[in-house]
């Protein structure tokens, strides 16, 4: 579960970068037009049906591979960390697929991934609390059973 939480937090951070890039695109387009509105094409690319496109371009440009978030190198380091911004790395089909998936995932927004990561952390914490309570209950039950066995045996 820790790997999933780490992956979600990386997705959240990458999505936040994507959102800032979209804001810069919109600001630059508005400035070029000399208007408050960036234009219809920029709207479609940044907040419309093609908002995934800049995210995929950003993921490919930075080698942000979603699938590598779940892989480990020989020294235990995340493959994502090894490959990110490494332009000498030889890419294969899985790497291209991972960057495209990262782009699509980033287009869902940083808030989505942040909330999902914190939801998983809460589930993990509650699971630990339930396991702790169960072990305490078992210890109490075991302690309660011992004196009766000693009395019955004597």
Protein backbone atom coordinates (compact mmCIF):
# COMPACT_ATOMS: atom_id res chain seq x y z
CA UNK A 1 0.00 0.00 0.00
CA UNK A 2 2.94 2.34 0.63
CA UNK A 3 4.00 2.10 -3.02
CA UNK A 4 0.48 3.02 -4.13
CA UNK A 5 0.40 6.02 -1.79
CA UNK A 6 3.80 7.19 -3.04
CA UNK A 7 2.64 6.79 -6.64
CA UNK A 8 -0.51 8.81 -5.94
CA UNK A 9 1.50 11.59 -4.32
CA UNK A 10 3.84 11.72 -7.34
CA UNK A 11 0.77 11.84 -9.59
CA UNK A 12 -0.62 14.67 -7.50
CA UNK A 13 2.62 16.65 -7.80
CA UNK A 14 2.90 15.99 -11.54
CA UNK A 15 -0.74 17.03 -11.99
CA UNK A 16 -0.05 20.26 -10.12
CA UNK A 17 2.84 21.00 -12.50
CA UNK A 18 0.51 20.25 -15.43
CA UNK A 19 -2.05 22.70 -14.04
CA UNK A 20 0.61 25.43 -13.72
CA UNK A 21 1.70 24.80 -17.33
CA UNK A 22 -1.92 25.20 -18.47
CA UNK A 23 -2.16 28.48 -16.55
CA UNK A 24 1.04 29.71 -18.23
CA UNK A 25 -0.32 28.75 -21.67
CA UNK A 26 -3.56 30.62 -21.00
CA UNK A 27 -1.73 33.69 -19.67
CA UNK A 28 0.66 33.76 -22.63
CA UNK A 29 -2.19 33.37 -25.14
CA UNK A 30 -4.15 36.18 -23.47
CA UNK A 31 -1.12 38.44 -23.52
CA UNK A 32 -0.42 37.70 -27.20
CA UNK A 33 -4.03 38.48 -28.08
CA UNK A 34 -4.06 41.61 -25.93
CA UNK A 35 -7.26 40.44 -24.32
CA UNK A 36 -8.53 38.82 -21.14
CA UNK A 37 -9.64 35.77 -23.11
CA UNK A 38 -7.00 33.38 -24.47
CA UNK A 39 -8.99 32.26 -27.52
CA UNK A 40 -11.17 29.34 -28.49
CA UNK A 41 -8.38 26.94 -29.48
CA UNK A 42 -6.48 27.58 -26.24
CA UNK A 43 -9.71 27.02 -24.29
CA UNK A 44 -10.21 23.63 -25.97
CA UNK A 45 -6.60 22.61 -25.26
CA UNK A 46 -6.44 23.85 -21.68
CA UNK A 47 -9.93 23.46 -20.21
CA UNK A 48 -11.83 21.67 -22.94
CA UNK A 49 -11.96 18.22 -24.43
CA UNK A 50 -8.25 18.20 -25.37
CA UNK A 51 -6.89 19.13 -21.94
CA UNK A 52 -5.14 15.75 -21.80
CA UNK A 53 -2.91 16.70 -24.74
CA UNK A 54 -0.59 19.11 -22.86
CA UNK A 55 -0.39 16.58 -20.03
CA UNK A 56 0.77 13.82 -22.39
CA UNK A 57 3.28 16.18 -24.04
CA UNK A 58 4.62 17.17 -20.60
CA UNK A 59 4.87 13.51 -19.53
CA UNK A 60 6.73 12.52 -22.70
CA UNK A 61 9.02 15.56 -22.52
CA UNK A 62 10.01 14.78 -18.91
CA UNK A 63 9.97 10.96 -19.21
CA UNK A 64 7.32 10.77 -16.48
CA UNK A 65 6.39 7.08 -16.74
CA UNK A 66 3.37 6.06 -14.66
CA UNK A 67 4.21 2.36 -14.90
CA UNK A 68 7.73 3.02 -13.56
CA UNK A 69 6.19 4.28 -10.31
CA UNK A 70 5.40 0.64 -9.49
CA UNK A 71 8.75 -0.82 -10.54
CA UNK A 72 12.00 -1.00 -8.56
CA UNK A 73 15.58 -0.89 -9.79
CA UNK A 74 18.22 -3.40 -8.69
CA UNK A 75 19.12 -1.22 -5.70
CA UNK A 76 15.47 -0.84 -4.61
CA UNK A 77 15.12 2.68 -6.00
CA UNK A 78 11.94 3.47 -7.88
CA UNK A 79 12.38 3.08 -11.62
CA UNK A 80 10.52 6.37 -11.97
CA UNK A 81 13.32 8.21 -10.17
CA UNK A 82 15.95 6.50 -12.31
CA UNK A 83 14.23 7.32 -15.63
CA UNK A 84 12.74 10.77 -14.91
CA UNK A 85 14.54 13.44 -16.95
CA UNK A 86 17.14 10.87 -18.08
CA UNK A 87 17.42 11.50 -21.81
CA UNK A 88 20.05 8.77 -22.35
CA UNK A 89 17.58 6.07 -21.27
CA UNK A 90 16.58 3.68 -24.09
CA UNK A 91 12.81 3.65 -24.39
CA UNK A 92 10.61 0.70 -25.20
CA UNK A 93 6.89 0.24 -25.80
CA UNK A 94 6.14 0.00 -22.08
CA UNK A 95 7.89 3.33 -21.45
CA UNK A 96 5.84 5.12 -24.11
CA UNK A 97 2.68 3.55 -22.76
CA UNK A 98 3.62 4.62 -19.22
CA UNK A 99 4.19 8.24 -20.21
CA UNK A 100 0.92 8.39 -22.13
CA UNK A 101 -0.89 6.93 -19.12
CA UNK A 102 0.85 9.49 -16.88
CA UNK A 103 -0.43 12.27 -19.13
CA UNK A 104 -3.99 11.02 -19.04
CA UNK A 105 -3.80 10.52 -15.28
CA UNK A 106 -2.36 14.01 -14.74
CA UNK A 107 -5.24 15.53 -16.67
CA UNK A 108 -7.61 14.34 -13.91
CA UNK A 109 -6.13 17.02 -11.67
CA UNK A 110 -3.91 17.24 -8.62
CA UNK A 111 -6.86 17.53 -6.23
CA UNK A 112 -8.19 14.15 -7.37
CA UNK A 113 -4.87 12.36 -6.79
CA UNK A 114 -4.17 14.20 -3.54
CA UNK A 115 -7.57 13.25 -2.10
CA UNK A 116 -7.17 9.65 -3.26
CA UNK A 117 -3.73 9.38 -1.63
CA UNK A 118 -5.00 10.76 1.67
CA UNK A 119 -8.00 8.43 1.52
CA UNK A 120 -5.63 5.46 1.17
CA UNK A 121 -3.52 6.74 4.06
CA UNK A 122 -6.64 6.95 6.20
CA UNK A 123 -7.63 3.40 5.25
CA UNK A 124 -4.12 2.21 6.13
CA UNK A 125 -4.28 3.96 9.52
CA UNK A 126 -7.72 2.52 10.32
CA UNK A 127 -6.57 -0.94 9.30
CA UNK A 128 -3.68 -0.66 11.75
CA UNK A 129 -6.05 0.53 14.48
CA UNK A 130 -8.41 -2.41 13.87
CA UNK A 131 -5.49 -4.87 13.90
CA UNK A 132 -4.19 -3.34 17.14
CA UNK A 133 -7.64 -3.50 18.76
CA UNK A 134 -8.05 -7.12 17.64
CA UNK A 135 -4.67 -8.11 19.10
CA UNK A 136 -5.52 -6.32 22.37
CA UNK A 137 -8.87 -8.13 22.48
CA UNK A 138 -7.13 -11.46 21.86
CA UNK A 139 -4.61 -10.74 24.63
CA UNK A 140 -7.45 -9.89 27.04
CA UNK A 141 -9.29 -13.09 26.06
CA UNK A 142 -6.14 -15.19 26.47
CA UNK A 143 -5.45 -13.64 29.89
CA UNK A 144 -9.05 -14.26 30.95
CA UNK A 145 -8.85 -17.93 29.88
CA UNK A 146 -5.61 -18.67 31.81
CA UNK A 147 -6.82 -18.24 35.41
CA UNK A 148 -9.87 -20.45 34.82
CA UNK A 149 -7.66 -23.20 33.43
CA UNK A 150 -5.41 -23.03 36.50
CA UNK A 151 -8.40 -23.20 38.83
CA UNK A 152 -9.91 -26.15 36.95
CA UNK A 153 -6.61 -28.01 37.00
CA UNK A 154 -6.10 -27.61 40.82
